[in-house]
Amino acid sequence: MKTGIDRLLADPALRAPLEGKRVALLAHPASVTADLTHSLDALVAAGLDVSAVFGPQHGVRGDLQDNMMESPDFTDPTYGMPVFSLYGEVRRPTGQSMGTFDVMLVDLQDLGCRIYTFITTLRYVLEAAAEHGKSVWVLDRPNPAGRPIEGLTLRPGWESFVGAGPMPMRHGLTLGELGLWFVDHFKLDVDYRIIEMEGWTPDAAPGFGWPLEERIWINPSPNAPNLAMARAYAGTVMLEGTTLSEGRGTTRPLELFGAPDIDARAVIAEMRALAPQWLKGCTLRDCWFEPTFHKHVGQLCNGVHIHAEGPGYDHAAFKPWRIQALAFKAIRRLYANYPLWRDFPYEYEFGKLAIDVINGGPTLREWVDDPAATPQDLDALTLPDEAAWQAERRAYLRY
């Protein structure tokens, strides 16, 4: 399997249109070649005129651990070129930074989830490129969550930095394919192309999106440590809008959840009683953990680990968004007045609950908080959205 960067480096014909052009690179720590050379070093060694570097959330170096930690601009110490942060003073490229290049190469490892901010950064880059007459090439990479679709579609008026457009939580596209959708959906007049992967088989076991035997996992962000996290993330990311720990401050962030004041075994039992059909494809295990930072720091938490791996994993059956929604519902039923929803300006969205910003509307929270609402009711709301996206995305599939 070859990623976009590896194909670009291996084929002079693919690089030919870049000759004589100033090239910018949008990258992070997982932007590496097959032999783990960083894409910046590889592109410079290939003789391209790399004139600027751009970094998404967590920075080019991935050095910022927590969410909502901004990165500064700086000068690259090796090559002396400017490094612009797209998660600092600005989220969108400015006119000044857009003047430093002719073609931007986007080489970002995504996680296949609407809320992962790299896809919003791609949208903003495409919009800026359309405005300034620049070209954008995505050097495509695997979607480690594969092709499954899950979740409610983001509702009008709920766009944000974690909501780039009306798609479900688990979109099932690569970053390059998403770029095609952005160009069409937002009617952008931009020179856009994908350097496609070669040999990517998203339905093949055991990786189902991630080529386990061929590519080493490198954290695309500090709390994305492995493939199991990437699979669970479309559900566990909702924990960021709650008072429950999502495992930040542990070695398995965004694979588990818990708090000092819940009974994990009771929560699992309630989940199984409510909707056993939603729990297929993974193994739930009650556990204990003590976060070293972030929520409930230094407190012993009882929690649930969602194991999206091993012999109990069924890629087609696994429904991380429904599993996490069901956990919220079980906690609400067990502890009617539990202060579940965290009220703070998530990704700088003021006046909206974080859980609603994450879900692109209030529907999920309202379902959790309604004592009469059943799992069938949530399916009735969600299945039409998923079917509509299944049909809409078909035109953009390249693999």
Protein backbone atom coordinates (compact mmCIF):
# COMPACT_ATOMS: atom_id res chain seq x y z
CA MET A 1 0.00 0.00 0.00
CA LYS A 2 1.36 3.41 -0.97
CA THR A 3 0.13 6.67 0.49
CA GLY A 4 -0.11 9.86 -1.53
CA ILE A 5 3.24 11.18 -0.32
CA ASP A 6 4.98 7.92 -1.25
CA ARG A 7 3.46 7.94 -4.74
CA LEU A 8 4.40 11.59 -5.26
CA LEU A 9 7.99 10.93 -4.27
CA ALA A 10 8.26 7.78 -6.39
CA ASP A 11 6.83 9.22 -9.63
CA PRO A 12 8.54 12.19 -11.33
CA ALA A 13 5.51 12.58 -13.59
CA LEU A 14 3.30 13.30 -10.58
CA ARG A 15 5.79 15.92 -9.35
CA ALA A 16 6.26 17.55 -12.75
CA PRO A 17 3.45 20.14 -12.30
CA LEU A 18 5.22 21.37 -9.15
CA GLU A 19 8.42 22.30 -10.96
CA GLY A 20 9.04 26.03 -10.73
CA LYS A 21 6.26 26.41 -8.16
CA ARG A 22 6.53 27.48 -4.55
CA VAL A 23 5.15 24.63 -2.48
CA ALA A 24 3.64 24.79 1.01
CA LEU A 25 3.08 21.73 3.20
CA LEU A 26 0.26 21.30 5.72
CA ALA A 27 1.47 18.55 8.02
CA HIS A 28 1.79 17.10 11.52
CA PRO A 29 3.90 14.35 13.19
CA ALA A 30 2.12 11.51 11.37
CA SER A 31 3.00 13.04 7.99
CA VAL A 32 5.70 10.50 7.19
CA THR A 33 6.79 8.32 4.30
CA ALA A 34 6.86 4.53 4.35
CA ASP A 35 10.34 4.60 5.88
CA LEU A 36 9.18 7.15 8.52
CA THR A 37 10.94 10.15 7.00
CA HIS A 38 8.89 13.26 7.70
CA SER A 39 7.21 14.56 4.56
CA LEU A 40 8.89 17.97 4.89
CA ASP A 41 12.35 16.40 4.82
CA ALA A 42 11.37 14.07 1.98
CA LEU A 43 9.93 16.85 -0.18
CA VAL A 44 12.97 19.07 0.33
CA ALA A 45 15.27 16.13 -0.49
CA ALA A 46 13.25 15.52 -3.67
CA GLY A 47 14.19 19.00 -4.85
CA LEU A 48 10.86 20.76 -4.41
CA ASP A 49 10.86 24.45 -3.51
CA VAL A 50 9.13 24.18 -0.13
CA SER A 51 8.53 27.80 0.82
CA ALA A 52 6.25 27.46 3.87
CA VAL A 53 4.82 24.97 6.33
CA PHE A 54 1.37 25.04 7.94
CA GLY A 55 0.30 23.21 11.09
CA PRO A 56 -3.20 22.15 12.21
CA GLN A 57 -4.48 21.76 15.79
CA HIS A 58 -1.76 20.41 18.13
CA GLY A 59 0.87 21.89 15.82
CA VAL A 60 3.28 20.64 13.17
CA ARG A 61 5.24 18.94 15.95
CA GLY A 62 2.18 17.62 17.83
CA ASP A 63 3.60 19.04 21.03
CA LEU A 64 0.41 20.39 22.59
CA GLN A 65 -1.27 17.68 24.64
CA ASP A 66 -4.68 19.09 25.50
CA ASN A 67 -7.53 20.41 23.37
CA MET A 68 -7.89 24.14 22.72
CA MET A 69 -4.15 24.80 23.21
CA GLU A 70 -3.02 27.24 20.55
CA SER A 71 0.21 27.01 18.57
CA PRO A 72 2.34 30.04 17.60
CA ASP A 73 3.90 30.81 14.25
CA PHE A 74 7.66 30.23 14.12
CA THR A 75 10.59 29.80 11.75
CA ASP A 76 11.63 26.25 10.95
CA PRO A 77 15.06 25.80 12.60
CA THR A 78 16.33 23.39 9.92
CA TYR A 79 15.23 25.03 6.69
CA GLY A 80 14.54 28.62 7.76
CA MET A 81 11.09 28.76 6.21
CA PRO A 82 8.02 30.22 7.96
CA VAL A 83 5.74 27.85 9.85
CA PHE A 84 2.17 29.14 10.11
CA SER A 85 -0.25 27.90 12.75
CA LEU A 86 -3.85 27.24 11.72
CA TYR A 87 -4.76 26.76 15.35
CA GLY A 88 -3.42 29.92 16.96
CA GLU A 89 -4.28 33.53 16.31
CA VAL A 90 -6.15 32.35 13.20
CA ARG A 91 -8.03 29.22 12.13
CA ARG A 92 -8.12 30.21 8.45
CA PRO A 93 -5.03 31.00 6.38
CA THR A 94 -4.45 34.74 6.12
CA GLY A 95 -3.62 36.74 3.03
CA GLN A 96 -0.05 37.09 4.24
CA SER A 97 0.50 33.36 4.61
CA MET A 98 -1.34 32.61 1.35
CA GLY A 99 1.20 34.78 -0.46
CA THR A 100 4.07 32.46 0.43
CA PHE A 101 3.19 29.61 -1.97
CA ASP A 102 1.57 28.59 -5.24
CA VAL A 103 0.51 25.02 -4.37
CA MET A 104 -0.33 23.66 -0.94
CA LEU A 105 0.26 19.96 -0.32
CA VAL A 106 -1.99 18.63 2.45
CA ASP A 107 -0.52 15.55 4.10
CA LEU A 108 -2.57 14.89 7.24
CA GLN A 109 -3.51 11.57 8.82
CA ASP A 110 -7.22 11.85 9.64
CA LEU A 111 -9.34 9.69 11.98
CA GLY A 112 -12.53 9.52 9.91
CA CYS A 113 -14.68 11.55 12.27
CA ARG A 114 -16.52 14.83 11.62
CA ILE A 115 -15.30 16.39 14.84
CA TYR A 116 -11.61 15.80 14.15
CA THR A 117 -10.53 19.33 13.29
CA PHE A 118 -8.13 18.47 10.48
CA ILE A 119 -11.07 18.17 8.08
CA THR A 120 -12.33 21.64 9.02
CA THR A 121 -8.83 22.96 8.42
CA LEU A 122 -8.94 21.38 4.94
CA ARG A 123 -12.23 23.14 4.23
CA TYR A 124 -10.80 26.49 5.35
CA VAL A 125 -7.66 25.95 3.23
CA LEU A 126 -9.78 25.16 0.16
CA GLU A 127 -11.89 28.28 0.70
CA ALA A 128 -8.79 30.45 1.09
CA ALA A 129 -7.21 28.86 -2.00
CA ALA A 130 -10.33 29.64 -4.02
CA GLU A 131 -10.20 33.25 -2.86
CA HIS A 132 -6.47 33.69 -3.60
CA GLY A 133 -6.15 31.59 -6.76
CA LYS A 134 -3.97 28.89 -5.23
CA SER A 135 -3.87 25.15 -5.86
CA VAL A 136 -4.45 22.47 -3.22
CA TRP A 137 -3.29 18.87 -3.49
CA VAL A 138 -4.23 16.30 -0.89
CA LEU A 139 -1.65 13.55 -0.51
CA ASP A 140 -4.17 10.94 0.52
CA ARG A 141 -3.92 8.61 3.51
CA PRO A 142 -6.09 5.80 4.92
CA ASN A 143 -9.21 6.41 6.96
CA PRO A 144 -8.43 4.12 9.92
CA ALA A 145 -12.11 3.91 10.87
CA GLY A 146 -12.86 2.53 7.40
CA ARG A 147 -16.04 2.95 5.41
CA PRO A 148 -18.86 2.57 8.01
CA ILE A 149 -21.22 5.52 8.46
CA GLU A 150 -22.80 6.46 11.77
CA GLY A 151 -24.45 9.36 13.55
CA LEU A 152 -26.77 12.28 13.06
CA THR A 153 -26.10 14.79 10.30
CA LEU A 154 -24.91 18.20 11.50
CA ARG A 155 -27.90 20.56 11.47
CA PRO A 156 -27.98 24.01 9.80
CA GLY A 157 -26.64 26.71 12.10
CA TRP A 158 -24.44 24.29 14.03
CA GLU A 159 -21.32 24.64 11.89
CA SER A 160 -18.16 25.09 13.94
CA PHE A 161 -14.49 24.19 13.99
CA VAL A 162 -15.62 20.67 14.96
CA GLY A 163 -18.46 20.72 12.45
CA ALA A 164 -17.20 21.42 8.94
CA GLY A 165 -20.47 20.61 7.17
CA PRO A 166 -23.64 18.51 7.04
CA MET A 167 -22.22 15.02 7.41
CA PRO A 168 -22.67 12.33 10.09
CA MET A 169 -20.15 11.79 12.88
CA ARG A 170 -18.49 8.82 11.16
CA HIS A 171 -18.27 9.83 7.49
CA GLY A 172 -16.30 6.93 5.99
CA LEU A 173 -14.24 9.04 3.55
CA THR A 174 -10.55 9.72 3.19
CA LEU A 175 -9.29 13.29 3.50
CA GLY A 176 -8.85 13.46 -0.28
CA GLU A 177 -12.41 12.29 -0.85
CA LEU A 178 -13.70 14.80 1.68
CA GLY A 179 -11.93 17.52 -0.27
CA LEU A 180 -13.91 16.56 -3.36
CA TRP A 181 -17.12 16.79 -1.33
CA PHE A 182 -16.15 20.19 0.12
CA VAL A 183 -15.43 21.58 -3.35
CA ASP A 184 -18.82 20.41 -4.63
CA HIS A 185 -20.90 21.14 -1.55
CA PHE A 186 -19.58 24.66 -1.00
CA LYS A 187 -19.28 25.34 -4.76
CA LEU A 188 -15.62 26.31 -4.57
CA ASP A 189 -13.80 27.44 -7.71
CA VAL A 190 -10.41 26.00 -6.82
CA ASP A 191 -7.70 23.95 -8.51
CA TYR A 192 -7.95 20.80 -6.40
CA ARG A 193 -6.47 17.37 -6.94
CA ILE A 194 -5.83 14.19 -5.00
CA ILE A 195 -2.66 12.16 -5.16
CA GLU A 196 -4.47 8.92 -4.51
CA MET A 197 -3.21 5.96 -2.55
CA GLU A 198 -2.31 2.74 -4.28
CA GLY A 199 -3.51 -0.58 -2.92
CA TRP A 200 -5.69 0.71 -0.08
CA THR A 201 -8.38 -1.87 0.74
CA PRO A 202 -10.66 -0.41 3.41
CA ASP A 203 -12.83 -3.53 3.74
CA ALA A 204 -9.95 -5.95 4.26
CA ALA A 205 -9.31 -7.65 7.60
CA PRO A 206 -7.72 -7.25 10.05
CA GLY A 207 -7.20 -3.50 9.65
CA PHE A 208 -10.50 -2.54 7.96
CA GLY A 209 -9.09 0.80 6.86
CA TRP A 210 -5.65 0.70 8.43
CA PRO A 211 -2.98 -1.44 6.69
CA LEU A 212 -1.78 -3.14 9.87
CA GLU A 213 0.95 -5.18 8.25
CA GLU A 214 2.37 -2.29 6.22
CA ARG A 215 2.13 1.00 8.13
CA ILE A 216 3.29 1.90 11.61
CA TRP A 217 0.79 3.89 13.70
CA ILE A 218 2.05 7.36 14.58
CA ASN A 219 -0.17 9.56 16.72
CA PRO A 220 -1.81 12.17 14.45
CA SER A 221 -2.65 14.03 17.68
CA PRO A 222 -1.32 13.42 21.20
CA ASN A 223 -4.37 11.49 22.44
CA ALA A 224 -4.73 9.29 19.36
CA PRO A 225 -2.36 6.49 20.40
CA ASN A 226 -3.60 3.47 18.44
CA LEU A 227 -6.05 1.98 15.97
CA ALA A 228 -8.55 0.94 18.65
CA MET A 229 -8.88 4.58 19.70
CA ALA A 230 -9.46 5.63 16.09
CA ARG A 231 -12.26 3.08 15.79
CA ALA A 232 -13.95 4.18 19.03
CA TYR A 233 -13.42 7.90 18.58
CA ALA A 234 -16.69 8.69 16.78
CA GLY A 235 -18.41 7.78 20.06
CA THR A 236 -15.88 8.55 22.76
CA VAL A 237 -15.24 12.07 21.49
CA MET A 238 -18.69 12.95 22.85
CA LEU A 239 -17.22 12.52 26.34
CA GLU A 240 -15.48 15.85 25.83
CA GLY A 241 -18.90 17.45 26.28
CA THR A 242 -19.53 15.67 29.58
CA THR A 243 -18.21 15.61 33.14
CA LEU A 244 -17.06 12.01 32.62
CA SER A 245 -13.38 11.38 32.03
CA GLU A 246 -12.54 10.25 28.50
CA GLY A 247 -9.28 8.80 29.76
CA ARG A 248 -7.08 11.82 29.16
CA GLY A 249 -4.29 11.47 31.66
CA THR A 250 -4.19 7.69 31.15
CA THR A 251 -2.42 5.54 28.59
CA ARG A 252 -5.69 4.65 26.79
CA PRO A 253 -7.42 7.99 26.15
CA LEU A 254 -10.69 8.01 24.21
CA GLU A 255 -11.11 4.26 24.54
CA LEU A 256 -12.69 4.41 27.99
CA PHE A 257 -14.88 6.58 30.19
CA GLY A 258 -15.61 6.87 33.87
CA ALA A 259 -15.88 8.96 37.01
CA PRO A 260 -15.37 8.56 40.76
CA ASP A 261 -19.12 8.39 41.40
CA ILE A 262 -20.48 5.79 38.94
CA ASP A 263 -20.75 2.02 39.17
CA ALA A 264 -19.32 0.77 35.89
CA ARG A 265 -20.77 -2.73 36.20
CA ALA A 266 -24.22 -1.27 36.78
CA VAL A 267 -23.79 1.00 33.75
CA ILE A 268 -22.81 -1.94 31.51
CA ALA A 269 -25.74 -4.01 32.79
CA GLU A 270 -28.15 -1.16 32.07
CA MET A 271 -26.70 -0.71 28.58
CA ARG A 272 -27.22 -4.42 27.87
CA ALA A 273 -30.77 -4.27 29.15
CA LEU A 274 -31.63 -1.24 27.05
CA ALA A 275 -30.13 -2.04 23.63
CA PRO A 276 -28.04 -5.22 23.39
CA GLN A 277 -28.19 -4.90 19.58
CA TRP A 278 -26.02 -1.76 19.78
CA LEU A 279 -23.24 -3.50 21.71
CA LYS A 280 -22.20 -5.96 19.02
CA GLY A 281 -18.74 -5.85 17.54
CA CYS A 282 -16.74 -4.94 20.64
CA THR A 283 -16.10 -5.98 24.24
CA LEU A 284 -17.02 -3.80 27.22
CA ARG A 285 -14.91 -4.24 30.34
CA ASP A 286 -15.33 -2.48 33.68
CA CYS A 287 -12.08 -1.00 34.95
CA TRP A 288 -10.46 1.45 37.34
CA PHE A 289 -8.18 4.33 36.44
CA GLU A 290 -6.73 7.51 37.93
CA PRO A 291 -6.12 10.37 35.49
CA THR A 292 -2.81 12.15 35.93
CA PHE A 293 -4.23 15.30 34.34
CA HIS A 294 -7.51 16.70 32.96
CA LYS A 295 -10.91 15.70 34.43
CA HIS A 296 -10.91 13.95 37.82
CA VAL A 297 -7.14 14.30 38.07
CA GLY A 298 -5.74 12.22 40.91
CA GLN A 299 -9.10 10.62 41.68
CA LEU A 300 -9.84 6.92 41.36
CA CYS A 301 -12.47 6.48 38.65
CA ASN A 302 -14.65 3.47 37.95
CA GLY A 303 -15.11 3.16 34.23
CA VAL A 304 -15.84 1.21 31.08
CA HIS A 305 -13.19 0.31 28.50
CA ILE A 306 -14.54 -0.14 24.96
CA HIS A 307 -12.29 -2.76 23.34
CA ALA A 308 -12.55 -2.29 19.55
CA GLU A 309 -9.88 -4.90 18.94
CA GLY A 310 -9.09 -8.58 19.30
CA PRO A 311 -11.34 -11.57 18.61
CA GLY A 312 -14.42 -9.73 19.86
CA TYR A 313 -14.12 -7.01 17.23
CA ASP A 314 -16.58 -7.03 14.32
CA HIS A 315 -15.96 -4.07 12.04
CA ALA A 316 -19.35 -4.07 10.34
CA ALA A 317 -21.29 -4.50 13.60
CA PHE A 318 -19.35 -2.01 15.75
CA LYS A 319 -21.34 1.18 16.45
CA PRO A 320 -19.23 3.50 18.62
CA TRP A 321 -21.57 6.49 18.44
CA ARG A 322 -24.56 4.44 19.57
CA ILE A 323 -22.52 2.68 22.27
CA GLN A 324 -21.48 5.98 23.83
CA ALA A 325 -24.98 7.42 23.50
CA LEU A 326 -26.29 4.31 25.22
CA ALA A 327 -23.79 4.78 28.06
CA PHE A 328 -25.11 8.30 28.61
CA LYS A 329 -28.66 6.97 28.62
CA ALA A 330 -27.76 4.25 31.14
CA ILE A 331 -26.13 6.78 33.47
CA ARG A 332 -29.15 9.06 33.20
CA ARG A 333 -31.46 6.16 34.08
CA LEU A 334 -29.31 5.00 37.01
CA TYR A 335 -28.58 8.49 38.35
CA ALA A 336 -31.44 10.74 37.29
CA ASN A 337 -29.83 13.98 38.45
CA TYR A 338 -26.25 13.19 37.46
CA PRO A 339 -24.52 16.41 36.25
CA LEU A 340 -23.63 14.80 32.93
CA TRP A 341 -23.34 17.75 30.56
CA ARG A 342 -20.32 20.01 30.84
CA ASP A 343 -21.05 23.70 30.29
CA PHE A 344 -18.06 25.58 28.83
CA PRO A 345 -17.23 27.29 25.50
CA TYR A 346 -16.14 24.20 23.60
CA GLU A 347 -13.91 25.18 20.65
CA TYR A 348 -14.81 28.80 21.41
CA GLU A 349 -18.52 28.29 20.74
CA PHE A 350 -20.32 30.44 23.30
CA GLY A 351 -23.93 30.05 24.39
CA LYS A 352 -24.17 26.39 23.32
CA LEU A 353 -23.66 23.24 25.35
CA ALA A 354 -20.49 21.41 24.35
CA ILE A 355 -22.36 18.13 23.77
CA ASP A 356 -24.59 19.90 21.25
CA VAL A 357 -21.65 21.51 19.44
CA ILE A 358 -20.03 18.08 19.20
CA ASN A 359 -23.17 16.46 17.80
CA GLY A 360 -24.07 19.31 15.48
CA GLY A 361 -27.36 19.96 17.26
CA PRO A 362 -29.27 19.15 20.47
CA THR A 363 -30.96 15.94 19.29
CA LEU A 364 -28.66 13.45 21.01
CA ARG A 365 -28.72 15.27 24.35
CA GLU A 366 -32.50 15.61 24.24
CA TRP A 367 -32.81 11.87 23.58
CA VAL A 368 -30.58 11.06 26.56
CA ASP A 369 -32.48 13.38 28.89
CA ASP A 370 -35.98 12.26 27.84
CA PRO A 371 -37.00 9.42 30.18
CA ALA A 372 -39.54 8.16 27.66
CA ALA A 373 -37.16 8.08 24.67
CA THR A 374 -36.06 4.61 23.58
CA PRO A 375 -33.14 3.30 21.50
CA GLN A 376 -35.64 2.74 18.70
CA ASP A 377 -36.48 6.44 18.82
CA LEU A 378 -32.82 7.38 18.29
CA ASP A 379 -32.55 4.90 15.43
CA ALA A 380 -35.64 6.45 13.84
CA LEU A 381 -33.91 9.84 13.87
CA THR A 382 -30.49 8.61 12.81
CA LEU A 383 -31.03 5.88 10.20
CA PRO A 384 -32.45 8.30 7.58
CA ASP A 385 -29.41 10.59 8.01
CA GLU A 386 -27.04 7.66 7.58
CA ALA A 387 -28.86 6.40 4.49
CA ALA A 388 -28.84 9.87 2.93
CA TRP A 389 -25.10 10.22 3.46
CA GLN A 390 -24.51 6.73 2.08
CA ALA A 391 -26.11 7.88 -1.16
CA GLU A 392 -24.52 11.33 -1.22
CA ARG A 393 -20.94 10.22 -0.63
CA ARG A 394 -21.02 7.57 -3.38
CA ALA A 395 -19.92 10.06 -6.05
CA TYR A 396 -16.76 10.90 -4.11
CA LEU A 397 -15.40 7.41 -3.39
CA ARG A 398 -12.05 6.81 -5.06
CA TYR A 399 -11.14 3.40 -3.62
